[in-house]
C-alpha atoms as a PDB file:
ATOM      1  CA  MET A   1       2.869   1.843   5.896  1.00  0.00           C
ATOM      2  CA  LEU A   2       0.404   0.133   8.211  1.00  0.00           C
ATOM      3  CA  TYR A   3      -2.285   2.739   8.115  1.00  0.00           C
ATOM      4  CA  LYS A   4      -2.118   3.065   4.221  1.00  0.00           C
ATOM      5  CA  LEU A   5      -2.361  -0.539   4.146  1.00  0.00           C
ATOM      6  CA  PHE A   6      -4.733  -1.770   6.570  1.00  0.00           C
ATOM      7  CA  GLU A   7      -7.166   1.256   6.118  1.00  0.00           C
ATOM      8  CA  GLU A   8      -6.872   3.145   2.741  1.00  0.00           C
ATOM      9  CA  PHE A   9      -5.805   0.134   0.588  1.00  0.00           C
ATOM     10  CA  ASP A  10      -8.543  -2.155   2.672  1.00  0.00           C
ATOM     11  CA  SER A  11     -11.219   0.093   1.779  1.00  0.00           C
ATOM     12  CA  GLY A  12      -9.757   0.412  -2.225  1.00  0.00           C
ATOM     13  CA  VAL A  13      -9.359  -3.476  -2.689  1.00  0.00           C
ATOM     14  CA  ARG A  14     -13.047  -3.820  -1.175  1.00  0.00           C
ATOM     15  CA  SER A  15     -14.922  -1.781  -3.275  1.00  0.00           C
ATOM     16  CA  PHE A  16     -12.900  -1.451  -6.518  1.00  0.00           C
ATOM     17  CA  PHE A  17     -11.867  -5.075  -6.451  1.00  0.00           C
ATOM     18  CA  HIS A  18     -15.185  -6.093  -6.276  1.00  0.00           C
ATOM     19  CA  ASP A  19     -16.502  -8.595  -8.997  1.00  0.00           C
ATOM     20  CA  ASP A  20     -19.278  -6.038  -9.736  1.00  0.00           C
ATOM     21  CA  SER A  21     -16.898  -2.998 -10.419  1.00  0.00           C
ATOM     22  CA  LEU A  22     -14.504  -4.985 -12.296  1.00  0.00           C
ATOM     23  CA  GLN A  23     -17.105  -6.066 -14.652  1.00  0.00           C
ATOM     24  CA  LYS A  24     -18.274  -2.707 -15.605  1.00  0.00           C
ATOM     25  CA  LEU A  25     -14.996  -1.798 -16.343  1.00  0.00           C
ATOM     26  CA  PHE A  26     -14.345  -4.750 -18.511  1.00  0.00           C
ATOM     27  CA  LYS A  27     -17.768  -3.927 -19.986  1.00  0.00           C
ATOM     28  CA  TYR A  28     -16.810  -0.693 -21.408  1.00  0.00           C
ATOM     29  CA  ASP A  29     -13.386  -2.080 -22.175  1.00  0.00           C
ATOM     30  CA  MET A  30     -11.245  -0.449 -19.512  1.00  0.00           C
ATOM     31  CA  ILE A  31      -9.557  -3.486 -18.680  1.00  0.00           C
ATOM     32  CA  ASN A  32      -8.948  -7.311 -20.342  1.00  0.00           C
ATOM     33  CA  GLU A  33      -9.690 -10.447 -18.671  1.00  0.00           C
ATOM     34  CA  SER A  34      -6.113 -10.584 -17.458  1.00  0.00           C
ATOM     35  CA  VAL A  35      -6.425  -7.714 -15.414  1.00  0.00           C
ATOM     36  CA  ILE A  36      -9.940  -8.989 -13.798  1.00  0.00           C
ATOM     37  CA  SER A  37      -7.835 -12.011 -13.006  1.00  0.00           C
ATOM     38  CA  THR A  38      -4.878 -10.591 -11.584  1.00  0.00           C
ATOM     39  CA  SER A  39      -7.570  -8.119  -9.205  1.00  0.00           C
ATOM     40  CA  ARG A  40      -9.494 -11.457  -8.156  1.00  0.00           C
ATOM     41  CA  LYS A  41      -6.035 -12.966  -6.912  1.00  0.00           C
ATOM     42  CA  ILE A  42      -5.171  -9.368  -5.341  1.00  0.00           C
ATOM     43  CA  ARG A  43      -8.288  -9.152  -3.858  1.00  0.00           C
ATOM     44  CA  HIS A  44      -8.614 -12.811  -2.548  1.00  0.00           C
ATOM     45  CA  LYS A  45      -5.115 -12.952  -1.162  1.00  0.00           C
ATOM     46  CA  TRP A  46      -6.082  -9.258   0.770  1.00  0.00           C
ATOM     47  CA  ILE A  47      -8.647 -11.027   2.485  1.00  0.00           C
ATOM     48  CA  GLU A  48      -6.956 -13.671   3.777  1.00  0.00           C
ATOM     49  CA  LEU A  49      -3.806 -11.581   5.135  1.00  0.00           C
ATOM     50  CA  GLU A  50      -5.596  -8.889   6.839  1.00  0.00           C
ATOM     51  CA  SER A  51      -7.551 -11.311   8.923  1.00  0.00           C
ATOM     52  CA  LYS A  52      -4.085 -11.881  10.679  1.00  0.00           C
ATOM     53  CA  SER A  53      -2.024  -9.555  12.367  1.00  0.00           C
ATOM     54  CA  TYR A  54       1.049  -8.403  11.167  1.00  0.00           C
ATOM     55  CA  SER A  55       4.505  -6.510  12.671  1.00  0.00           C
ATOM     56  CA  LEU A  56       5.931  -4.189   9.805  1.00  0.00           C
ATOM     57  CA  ASN A  57       8.977  -6.385   9.551  1.00  0.00           C
ATOM     58  CA  GLU A  58       6.839  -9.460   9.027  1.00  0.00           C
ATOM     59  CA  ILE A  59       4.920  -7.438   6.140  1.00  0.00           C
ATOM     60  CA  ARG A  60       8.382  -6.918   4.472  1.00  0.00           C
ATOM     61  CA  THR A  61       9.378 -10.755   4.964  1.00  0.00           C
ATOM     62  CA  THR A  62       6.860 -13.156   5.162  1.00  0.00           C
ATOM     63  CA  PRO A  63       5.960 -15.240   1.423  1.00  0.00           C
ATOM     64  CA  GLU A  64       2.288 -14.473   1.762  1.00  0.00           C
ATOM     65  CA  TRP A  65       3.328 -10.710   1.687  1.00  0.00           C
ATOM     66  CA  ARG A  66       5.995 -11.001  -0.600  1.00  0.00           C
ATOM     67  CA  GLU A  67       3.163 -12.923  -2.808  1.00  0.00           C
ATOM     68  CA  PHE A  68       0.749 -10.428  -2.406  1.00  0.00           C
ATOM     69  CA  PHE A  69       3.294  -7.610  -3.367  1.00  0.00           C
ATOM     70  CA  CYS A  70       4.054  -9.412  -6.443  1.00  0.00           C
ATOM     71  CA  LEU A  71       0.667  -9.624  -7.637  1.00  0.00           C
ATOM     72  CA  CYS A  72       0.168  -6.074  -6.966  1.00  0.00           C
ATOM     73  CA  ASP A  73       3.291  -5.598  -9.438  1.00  0.00           C
ATOM     74  CA  GLU A  74       1.752  -7.775 -11.833  1.00  0.00           C
ATOM     75  CA  LEU A  75      -1.579  -6.139 -11.861  1.00  0.00           C
ATOM     76  CA  ASN A  76       0.724  -2.482 -11.692  1.00  0.00           C
ATOM     77  CA  ARG A  77       2.771  -4.195 -15.219  1.00  0.00           C
ATOM     78  CA  GLU A  78      -0.657  -5.262 -16.867  1.00  0.00           C
ATOM     79  CA  LEU A  79      -2.186  -1.620 -16.180  1.00  0.00           C
ATOM     80  CA  TRP A  80       0.760   0.623 -17.203  1.00  0.00           C
ATOM     81  CA  GLY A  81       3.443  -1.631 -18.834  1.00  0.00           C
ATOM     82  CA  ASP A  82       6.957  -1.637 -17.611  1.00  0.00           C
ATOM     83  CA  GLN A  83       6.934   2.498 -16.830  1.00  0.00           C
ATOM     84  CA  GLY A  84       4.295   1.657 -13.944  1.00  0.00           C
ATOM     85  CA  VAL A  85       6.422  -0.445 -11.620  1.00  0.00           C
ATOM     86  CA  THR A  86       8.951   1.133  -9.445  1.00  0.00           C
ATOM     87  CA  SER A  87      11.440   0.014  -7.155  1.00  0.00           C
ATOM     88  CA  ASP A  88      10.309   2.786  -4.475  1.00  0.00           C
END
């Protein structure tokens, strides 16, 4: 889990959630303003979180991480509706 978060997700959130990328997707009607807003919140929260060290247990239990995962769930619902959110 730590590898997926701090290696794979980190590079994706820094590039795919960058304002330039989001604006291109918006320009071509691939996303709406709500998706842009949530994506910006996720990117900002990620940059804040990754600047500190966390144990796996802390990632699962701290309020800051819960907020981050809730934002990700919100984005998932905005993009895919209820069928996109799983409990896995």
